[in-house]
Amino acid sequence: MSSSEAARNLLTGNGGTTPLKLEYFAIEGVAEQIRIALSVAGVPFDDVRIPFSEWPAKKPTTKYGQLPEMILPNGMIITESMAMLRLAGEADSEGKLYPADIVARVKVEEVLGLVGDLGRAWRPAMYVGMRPQALGHPPKDEWADADATIEKMRSGFIADELPKYMGYFADLLKEAGGDKFLTGEDLTIADIAAYKQIEYFGRGIADYVPKNCLEAYPDVLAWMGRVAGHPKVAAYKASKAK
């Protein structure tokens, strides 16, 4: 049995009736890349959305006090989002999402690492507005300079860090042929992870991060269009809209 077949059997219960469950909050967050990957891989799952009002009671029942959690048909619980993403990719029967070829897989891993670097670069600017105490600041309601500091950090990220990373992704696209995906001809979990991380900046969710901040990167926007337009990604998005 190949590793892809083993992964698929693990996620589907080898054709049994107990469904795979993915539990997360009723938002996209870090679970959305997993939802997309499972859908592209053709793995059915129960998309369990936990209301924030239920989280205090739910939290003590989770393995590490956090979500997402993936509950396999055999009862095994997977807790780390990147482990879930890789497992979903491995289960792709077409072998494209997480290729078995070692050179192709290393390319996927390099891009996943770059996506992680981008996320870590953004994190201080994000958390200064959400959990300022974690960065050594007073609680927001006790911090007179909170808004000015948040604006400075987030505007600085958009001006300095975002262009650097968008340049890295644009270079990867050129290496892959310019009109393809980040590692070559096929959509992989690296594209899905990068797409969700980069898309966030253009959604206008975070204060002081303008919705048009990605317009300066046409190659990246064109690639995002290819990801969103992938038939299986588009089908997942359409199913959400119903």
C-alpha atoms as a PDB file:
ATOM      1  CA  MET A   1       0.000   0.000   0.000  1.00  0.00           C
ATOM      2  CA  SER A   2       1.331   3.423  -0.931  1.00  0.00           C
ATOM      3  CA  SER A   3       1.566   6.237   1.597  1.00  0.00           C
ATOM      4  CA  SER A   4      -1.189   8.045  -0.318  1.00  0.00           C
ATOM      5  CA  GLU A   5      -3.504   5.053  -0.006  1.00  0.00           C
ATOM      6  CA  ALA A   6      -2.648   4.700   3.694  1.00  0.00           C
ATOM      7  CA  ALA A   7      -3.406   8.381   4.301  1.00  0.00           C
ATOM      8  CA  ARG A   8      -6.695   8.154   2.461  1.00  0.00           C
ATOM      9  CA  ASN A   9      -7.708   5.038   4.380  1.00  0.00           C
ATOM     10  CA  LEU A  10      -6.826   6.782   7.636  1.00  0.00           C
ATOM     11  CA  LEU A  11      -8.966   9.795   6.798  1.00  0.00           C
ATOM     12  CA  THR A  12     -11.910   7.889   5.369  1.00  0.00           C
ATOM     13  CA  GLY A  13     -11.939   4.966   7.781  1.00  0.00           C
ATOM     14  CA  ASN A  14     -11.158   2.637   4.887  1.00  0.00           C
ATOM     15  CA  GLY A  15     -14.641   3.081   3.506  1.00  0.00           C
ATOM     16  CA  GLY A  16     -16.431   2.878   6.851  1.00  0.00           C
ATOM     17  CA  THR A  17     -19.428   4.916   7.968  1.00  0.00           C
ATOM     18  CA  THR A  18     -17.789   6.952  10.753  1.00  0.00           C
ATOM     19  CA  PRO A  19     -17.002  10.380   9.277  1.00  0.00           C
ATOM     20  CA  LEU A  20     -13.833  12.390   9.570  1.00  0.00           C
ATOM     21  CA  LYS A  21     -14.418  15.487  11.696  1.00  0.00           C
ATOM     22  CA  LEU A  22     -12.622  18.821  11.557  1.00  0.00           C
ATOM     23  CA  GLU A  23     -13.432  21.046  14.524  1.00  0.00           C
ATOM     24  CA  TYR A  24     -12.689  24.765  14.524  1.00  0.00           C
ATOM     25  CA  PHE A  25     -14.398  28.055  15.245  1.00  0.00           C
ATOM     26  CA  ALA A  26     -17.036  29.487  12.914  1.00  0.00           C
ATOM     27  CA  ILE A  27     -14.387  31.449  10.997  1.00  0.00           C
ATOM     28  CA  GLU A  28     -11.845  30.612   8.306  1.00  0.00           C
ATOM     29  CA  GLY A  29      -8.641  30.985  10.359  1.00  0.00           C
ATOM     30  CA  VAL A  30      -5.977  28.298  10.189  1.00  0.00           C
ATOM     31  CA  ALA A  31      -8.557  25.599   9.441  1.00  0.00           C
ATOM     32  CA  GLU A  32      -9.549  26.975   6.051  1.00  0.00           C
ATOM     33  CA  GLN A  33      -6.443  25.689   4.294  1.00  0.00           C
ATOM     34  CA  ILE A  34      -7.259  22.218   5.660  1.00  0.00           C
ATOM     35  CA  ARG A  35     -10.871  22.436   4.528  1.00  0.00           C
ATOM     36  CA  ILE A  36      -9.709  23.370   1.033  1.00  0.00           C
ATOM     37  CA  ALA A  37      -7.055  20.638   0.903  1.00  0.00           C
ATOM     38  CA  LEU A  38      -9.503  17.955   2.037  1.00  0.00           C
ATOM     39  CA  SER A  39     -12.001  19.127  -0.560  1.00  0.00           C
ATOM     40  CA  VAL A  40      -9.415  19.144  -3.353  1.00  0.00           C
ATOM     41  CA  ALA A  41      -8.270  15.661  -2.283  1.00  0.00           C
ATOM     42  CA  GLY A  42     -11.870  14.463  -2.399  1.00  0.00           C
ATOM     43  CA  VAL A  43     -11.946  13.450   1.259  1.00  0.00           C
ATOM     44  CA  PRO A  44     -15.404  13.880   2.823  1.00  0.00           C
ATOM     45  CA  PHE A  45     -15.490  15.416   6.295  1.00  0.00           C
ATOM     46  CA  ASP A  46     -17.812  16.924   8.846  1.00  0.00           C
ATOM     47  CA  ASP A  47     -16.982  20.616   9.105  1.00  0.00           C
ATOM     48  CA  VAL A  48     -17.802  21.233  12.757  1.00  0.00           C
ATOM     49  CA  ARG A  49     -17.945  24.944  13.628  1.00  0.00           C
ATOM     50  CA  ILE A  50     -17.669  25.720  17.344  1.00  0.00           C
ATOM     51  CA  PRO A  51     -19.418  28.969  18.429  1.00  0.00           C
ATOM     52  CA  PHE A  52     -17.159  31.221  20.472  1.00  0.00           C
ATOM     53  CA  SER A  53     -19.799  31.173  23.193  1.00  0.00           C
ATOM     54  CA  GLU A  54     -19.209  27.428  23.622  1.00  0.00           C
ATOM     55  CA  TRP A  55     -15.408  27.641  23.674  1.00  0.00           C
ATOM     56  CA  PRO A  56     -14.961  28.007  27.492  1.00  0.00           C
ATOM     57  CA  ALA A  57     -16.751  24.686  28.000  1.00  0.00           C
ATOM     58  CA  LYS A  58     -15.119  23.044  24.973  1.00  0.00           C
ATOM     59  CA  LYS A  59     -11.529  24.115  25.704  1.00  0.00           C
ATOM     60  CA  PRO A  60     -10.856  21.712  28.645  1.00  0.00           C
ATOM     61  CA  THR A  61     -11.963  18.789  26.471  1.00  0.00           C
ATOM     62  CA  THR A  62      -9.354  19.464  23.776  1.00  0.00           C
ATOM     63  CA  LYS A  63      -5.958  17.820  23.871  1.00  0.00           C
ATOM     64  CA  TYR A  64      -3.890  21.011  24.089  1.00  0.00           C
ATOM     65  CA  GLY A  65      -6.543  23.627  24.840  1.00  0.00           C
ATOM     66  CA  GLN A  66      -6.728  24.824  21.266  1.00  0.00           C
ATOM     67  CA  LEU A  67      -8.360  24.279  17.891  1.00  0.00           C
ATOM     68  CA  PRO A  68      -8.406  22.992  15.213  1.00  0.00           C
ATOM     69  CA  GLU A  69      -8.686  19.348  16.060  1.00  0.00           C
ATOM     70  CA  MET A  70      -9.133  16.591  13.510  1.00  0.00           C
ATOM     71  CA  ILE A  71     -10.888  13.468  14.761  1.00  0.00           C
ATOM     72  CA  LEU A  72     -10.180  10.492  12.536  1.00  0.00           C
ATOM     73  CA  PRO A  73     -12.758   7.736  12.003  1.00  0.00           C
ATOM     74  CA  ASN A  74     -10.652   5.433  14.219  1.00  0.00           C
ATOM     75  CA  GLY A  75     -10.866   7.946  17.085  1.00  0.00           C
ATOM     76  CA  MET A  76      -7.318   9.280  16.772  1.00  0.00           C
ATOM     77  CA  ILE A  77      -7.051  13.036  17.335  1.00  0.00           C
ATOM     78  CA  ILE A  78      -4.666  15.214  15.335  1.00  0.00           C
ATOM     79  CA  THR A  79      -3.993  18.625  16.829  1.00  0.00           C
ATOM     80  CA  GLU A  80      -1.522  20.583  14.692  1.00  0.00           C
ATOM     81  CA  SER A  81      -2.858  22.350  11.611  1.00  0.00           C
ATOM     82  CA  MET A  82       0.216  21.710   9.462  1.00  0.00           C
ATOM     83  CA  ALA A  83       0.103  17.994  10.273  1.00  0.00           C
ATOM     84  CA  MET A  84      -3.535  18.016   9.148  1.00  0.00           C
ATOM     85  CA  LEU A  85      -2.650  19.891   5.967  1.00  0.00           C
ATOM     86  CA  ARG A  86       0.118  17.450   5.056  1.00  0.00           C
ATOM     87  CA  LEU A  87      -2.099  14.457   5.781  1.00  0.00           C
ATOM     88  CA  ALA A  88      -4.845  15.883   3.579  1.00  0.00           C
ATOM     89  CA  GLY A  89      -2.296  16.460   0.838  1.00  0.00           C
ATOM     90  CA  GLU A  90      -0.923  12.948   1.180  1.00  0.00           C
ATOM     91  CA  ALA A  91      -4.436  11.557   0.732  1.00  0.00           C
ATOM     92  CA  ASP A  92      -4.795  13.093  -2.728  1.00  0.00           C
ATOM     93  CA  SER A  93      -5.290  10.100  -5.018  1.00  0.00           C
ATOM     94  CA  GLU A  94      -3.880  12.084  -7.950  1.00  0.00           C
ATOM     95  CA  GLY A  95      -0.628  12.610  -6.049  1.00  0.00           C
ATOM     96  CA  LYS A  96      -0.494  16.320  -6.823  1.00  0.00           C
ATOM     97  CA  LEU A  97      -1.218  18.121  -3.558  1.00  0.00           C
ATOM     98  CA  TYR A  98       1.799  16.640  -1.735  1.00  0.00           C
ATOM     99  CA  PRO A  99       3.878  14.862  -4.371  1.00  0.00           C
ATOM    100  CA  ALA A 100       5.704  11.658  -3.566  1.00  0.00           C
ATOM    101  CA  ASP A 101       8.702  12.649  -5.680  1.00  0.00           C
ATOM    102  CA  ILE A 102      11.302  13.809  -3.155  1.00  0.00           C
ATOM    103  CA  VAL A 103      12.531  16.790  -5.186  1.00  0.00           C
ATOM    104  CA  ALA A 104       8.989  18.030  -5.766  1.00  0.00           C
ATOM    105  CA  ARG A 105       8.142  17.492  -2.109  1.00  0.00           C
ATOM    106  CA  VAL A 106      11.159  19.466  -0.945  1.00  0.00           C
ATOM    107  CA  LYS A 107       9.998  22.368  -3.109  1.00  0.00           C
ATOM    108  CA  VAL A 108       6.591  22.192  -1.424  1.00  0.00           C
ATOM    109  CA  GLU A 109       8.241  22.154   1.991  1.00  0.00           C
ATOM    110  CA  GLU A 110      10.395  25.173   1.113  1.00  0.00           C
ATOM    111  CA  VAL A 111       7.307  27.177   0.202  1.00  0.00           C
ATOM    112  CA  LEU A 112       5.488  26.040   3.347  1.00  0.00           C
ATOM    113  CA  GLY A 113       8.486  27.297   5.303  1.00  0.00           C
ATOM    114  CA  LEU A 114       8.315  30.642   3.519  1.00  0.00           C
ATOM    115  CA  VAL A 115       4.614  30.920   4.317  1.00  0.00           C
ATOM    116  CA  GLY A 116       5.484  30.257   7.949  1.00  0.00           C
ATOM    117  CA  ASP A 117       8.136  32.977   7.829  1.00  0.00           C
ATOM    118  CA  LEU A 118       5.581  35.448   6.461  1.00  0.00           C
ATOM    119  CA  GLY A 119       3.137  34.540   9.204  1.00  0.00           C
ATOM    120  CA  ARG A 120       5.779  35.002  11.901  1.00  0.00           C
ATOM    121  CA  ALA A 121       6.819  38.361  10.438  1.00  0.00           C
ATOM    122  CA  TRP A 122       3.207  39.548  10.635  1.00  0.00           C
ATOM    123  CA  ARG A 123       2.448  38.118  14.068  1.00  0.00           C
ATOM    124  CA  PRO A 124       3.798  40.950  16.283  1.00  0.00           C
ATOM    125  CA  ALA A 125       1.822  43.538  14.300  1.00  0.00           C
ATOM    126  CA  MET A 126      -1.280  41.393  14.553  1.00  0.00           C
ATOM    127  CA  TYR A 127      -1.018  40.507  18.222  1.00  0.00           C
ATOM    128  CA  VAL A 128      -0.173  44.025  19.375  1.00  0.00           C
ATOM    129  CA  GLY A 129      -3.827  44.797  18.708  1.00  0.00           C
ATOM    130  CA  MET A 130      -5.199  41.520  20.047  1.00  0.00           C
ATOM    131  CA  ARG A 131      -2.982  40.526  22.956  1.00  0.00           C
ATOM    132  CA  PRO A 132      -0.691  43.483  23.695  1.00  0.00           C
ATOM    133  CA  GLN A 133       0.319  42.007  27.068  1.00  0.00           C
ATOM    134  CA  ALA A 134       2.085  39.188  25.227  1.00  0.00           C
ATOM    135  CA  LEU A 135       4.410  41.797  23.717  1.00  0.00           C
ATOM    136  CA  GLY A 136       5.072  43.598  26.982  1.00  0.00           C
ATOM    137  CA  HIS A 137       2.418  46.300  26.619  1.00  0.00           C
ATOM    138  CA  PRO A 138      -0.459  47.136  28.978  1.00  0.00           C
ATOM    139  CA  PRO A 139      -3.963  45.861  28.222  1.00  0.00           C
ATOM    140  CA  LYS A 140      -5.425  47.833  25.339  1.00  0.00           C
ATOM    141  CA  ASP A 141      -8.043  49.582  27.475  1.00  0.00           C
ATOM    142  CA  GLU A 142      -5.270  50.799  29.811  1.00  0.00           C
ATOM    143  CA  TRP A 143      -2.785  51.793  27.103  1.00  0.00           C
ATOM    144  CA  ALA A 144      -3.001  55.416  25.958  1.00  0.00           C
ATOM    145  CA  ASP A 145      -0.765  54.903  22.906  1.00  0.00           C
ATOM    146  CA  ALA A 146      -2.370  51.651  21.796  1.00  0.00           C
ATOM    147  CA  ASP A 147      -3.898  52.836  18.519  1.00  0.00           C
ATOM    148  CA  ALA A 148      -0.822  54.825  17.500  1.00  0.00           C
ATOM    149  CA  THR A 149       1.452  51.845  18.180  1.00  0.00           C
ATOM    150  CA  ILE A 150      -0.813  49.422  16.339  1.00  0.00           C
ATOM    151  CA  GLU A 151      -0.963  51.726  13.331  1.00  0.00           C
ATOM    152  CA  LYS A 152       2.813  52.181  13.319  1.00  0.00           C
ATOM    153  CA  MET A 153       3.555  48.465  13.503  1.00  0.00           C
ATOM    154  CA  ARG A 154       0.990  47.405  10.911  1.00  0.00           C
ATOM    155  CA  SER A 155       1.782  50.233   8.510  1.00  0.00           C
ATOM    156  CA  GLY A 156       5.459  49.396   8.884  1.00  0.00           C
ATOM    157  CA  PHE A 157       4.794  45.765   8.017  1.00  0.00           C
ATOM    158  CA  ILE A 158       2.843  46.715   4.888  1.00  0.00           C
ATOM    159  CA  ALA A 159       5.572  49.157   3.827  1.00  0.00           C
ATOM    160  CA  ASP A 160       8.629  47.023   4.577  1.00  0.00           C
ATOM    161  CA  GLU A 161       7.957  43.337   5.162  1.00  0.00           C
ATOM    162  CA  LEU A 162       5.079  42.647   2.779  1.00  0.00           C
ATOM    163  CA  PRO A 163       6.967  43.850  -0.338  1.00  0.00           C
ATOM    164  CA  LYS A 164       9.917  41.645   0.567  1.00  0.00           C
ATOM    165  CA  TYR A 165       7.799  38.525   0.854  1.00  0.00           C
ATOM    166  CA  MET A 166       5.701  39.310  -2.199  1.00  0.00           C
ATOM    167  CA  GLY A 167       8.992  39.564  -4.079  1.00  0.00           C
ATOM    168  CA  TYR A 168       9.953  36.113  -2.869  1.00  0.00           C
ATOM    169  CA  PHE A 169       6.663  34.634  -4.040  1.00  0.00           C
ATOM    170  CA  ALA A 170       6.887  36.445  -7.377  1.00  0.00           C
ATOM    171  CA  ASP A 171      10.357  34.962  -7.881  1.00  0.00           C
ATOM    172  CA  LEU A 172       9.021  31.470  -7.156  1.00  0.00           C
ATOM    173  CA  LEU A 173       6.314  31.966  -9.753  1.00  0.00           C
ATOM    174  CA  LYS A 174       8.885  33.048 -12.358  1.00  0.00           C
ATOM    175  CA  GLU A 175      10.993  29.986 -11.593  1.00  0.00           C
ATOM    176  CA  ALA A 176       7.892  27.814 -12.056  1.00  0.00           C
ATOM    177  CA  GLY A 177       7.142  29.285 -15.469  1.00  0.00           C
ATOM    178  CA  GLY A 178       5.283  32.496 -14.673  1.00  0.00           C
ATOM    179  CA  ASP A 179       1.751  31.322 -15.354  1.00  0.00           C
ATOM    180  CA  LYS A 180       1.615  28.250 -13.155  1.00  0.00           C
ATOM    181  CA  PHE A 181       1.640  27.489  -9.445  1.00  0.00           C
ATOM    182  CA  LEU A 182       4.357  28.084  -6.857  1.00  0.00           C
ATOM    183  CA  THR A 183       6.220  24.821  -7.388  1.00  0.00           C
ATOM    184  CA  GLY A 184       5.251  23.944 -10.954  1.00  0.00           C
ATOM    185  CA  GLU A 185       2.317  22.777 -13.043  1.00  0.00           C
ATOM    186  CA  ASP A 186       0.110  21.476 -10.256  1.00  0.00           C
ATOM    187  CA  LEU A 187      -1.697  22.998  -7.297  1.00  0.00           C
ATOM    188  CA  THR A 188      -0.128  21.801  -4.030  1.00  0.00           C
ATOM    189  CA  ILE A 189      -0.737  22.322  -0.342  1.00  0.00           C
ATOM    190  CA  ALA A 190       1.972  25.002  -0.542  1.00  0.00           C
ATOM    191  CA  ASP A 191      -0.228  27.024  -2.898  1.00  0.00           C
ATOM    192  CA  ILE A 192      -3.230  26.565  -0.626  1.00  0.00           C
ATOM    193  CA  ALA A 193      -1.326  27.648   2.491  1.00  0.00           C
ATOM    194  CA  ALA A 194       0.265  30.634   0.734  1.00  0.00           C
ATOM    195  CA  TYR A 195      -3.035  31.646  -0.839  1.00  0.00           C
ATOM    196  CA  LYS A 196      -4.843  31.776   2.492  1.00  0.00           C
ATOM    197  CA  GLN A 197      -2.036  33.664   4.236  1.00  0.00           C
ATOM    198  CA  ILE A 198      -1.669  36.267   1.485  1.00  0.00           C
ATOM    199  CA  GLU A 199      -5.398  36.612   0.841  1.00  0.00           C
ATOM    200  CA  TYR A 200      -5.834  37.675   4.470  1.00  0.00           C
ATOM    201  CA  PHE A 201      -3.980  40.932   3.859  1.00  0.00           C
ATOM    202  CA  GLY A 202      -6.392  41.968   1.112  1.00  0.00           C
ATOM    203  CA  ARG A 203      -9.590  41.306   3.030  1.00  0.00           C
ATOM    204  CA  GLY A 204      -9.608  44.471   5.133  1.00  0.00           C
ATOM    205  CA  ILE A 205      -9.893  42.488   8.341  1.00  0.00           C
ATOM    206  CA  ALA A 206      -7.009  44.087  10.227  1.00  0.00           C
ATOM    207  CA  ASP A 207      -7.045  47.762  11.136  1.00  0.00           C
ATOM    208  CA  TYR A 208      -4.497  49.860   9.217  1.00  0.00           C
ATOM    209  CA  VAL A 209      -4.055  47.157   6.552  1.00  0.00           C
ATOM    210  CA  PRO A 210      -5.763  48.550   3.440  1.00  0.00           C
ATOM    211  CA  LYS A 211      -7.737  46.193   1.222  1.00  0.00           C
ATOM    212  CA  ASN A 212      -5.732  47.347  -1.803  1.00  0.00           C
ATOM    213  CA  CYS A 213      -2.357  46.497  -0.265  1.00  0.00           C
ATOM    214  CA  LEU A 214      -1.835  43.616  -2.715  1.00  0.00           C
ATOM    215  CA  GLU A 215      -2.489  45.633  -5.858  1.00  0.00           C
ATOM    216  CA  ALA A 216       1.209  46.414  -6.229  1.00  0.00           C
ATOM    217  CA  TYR A 217       1.932  42.715  -6.863  1.00  0.00           C
ATOM    218  CA  PRO A 218       0.217  41.739 -10.134  1.00  0.00           C
ATOM    219  CA  ASP A 219       2.080  38.442 -10.535  1.00  0.00           C
ATOM    220  CA  VAL A 220       0.980  37.345  -7.091  1.00  0.00           C
ATOM    221  CA  LEU A 221      -2.603  38.456  -7.737  1.00  0.00           C
ATOM    222  CA  ALA A 222      -2.664  36.537 -11.016  1.00  0.00           C
ATOM    223  CA  TRP A 223      -1.471  33.405  -9.215  1.00  0.00           C
ATOM    224  CA  MET A 224      -4.135  33.900  -6.530  1.00  0.00           C
ATOM    225  CA  GLY A 225      -6.682  33.987  -9.324  1.00  0.00           C
ATOM    226  CA  ARG A 226      -5.383  30.673 -10.628  1.00  0.00           C
ATOM    227  CA  VAL A 227      -5.652  29.108  -7.179  1.00  0.00           C
ATOM    228  CA  ALA A 228      -9.196  30.406  -6.655  1.00  0.00           C
ATOM    229  CA  GLY A 229     -10.095  29.326 -10.181  1.00  0.00           C
ATOM    230  CA  HIS A 230      -8.818  25.771  -9.791  1.00  0.00           C
ATOM    231  CA  PRO A 231     -11.930  23.667 -10.432  1.00  0.00           C
ATOM    232  CA  LYS A 232     -11.825  21.871  -7.083  1.00  0.00           C
ATOM    233  CA  VAL A 233     -11.062  25.041  -5.107  1.00  0.00           C
ATOM    234  CA  ALA A 234     -13.833  26.868  -6.952  1.00  0.00           C
ATOM    235  CA  ALA A 235     -16.233  24.021  -6.198  1.00  0.00           C
ATOM    236  CA  TYR A 236     -15.391  24.229  -2.499  1.00  0.00           C
ATOM    237  CA  LYS A 237     -15.930  27.988  -2.494  1.00  0.00           C
ATOM    238  CA  ALA A 238     -19.250  27.560  -4.285  1.00  0.00           C
ATOM    239  CA  SER A 239     -20.384  24.986  -1.727  1.00  0.00           C
ATOM    240  CA  LYS A 240     -19.639  27.450   1.084  1.00  0.00           C
ATOM    241  CA  ALA A 241     -21.764  30.114  -0.570  1.00  0.00           C
ATOM    242  CA  LYS A 242     -24.886  27.957  -0.565  1.00  0.00           C
END
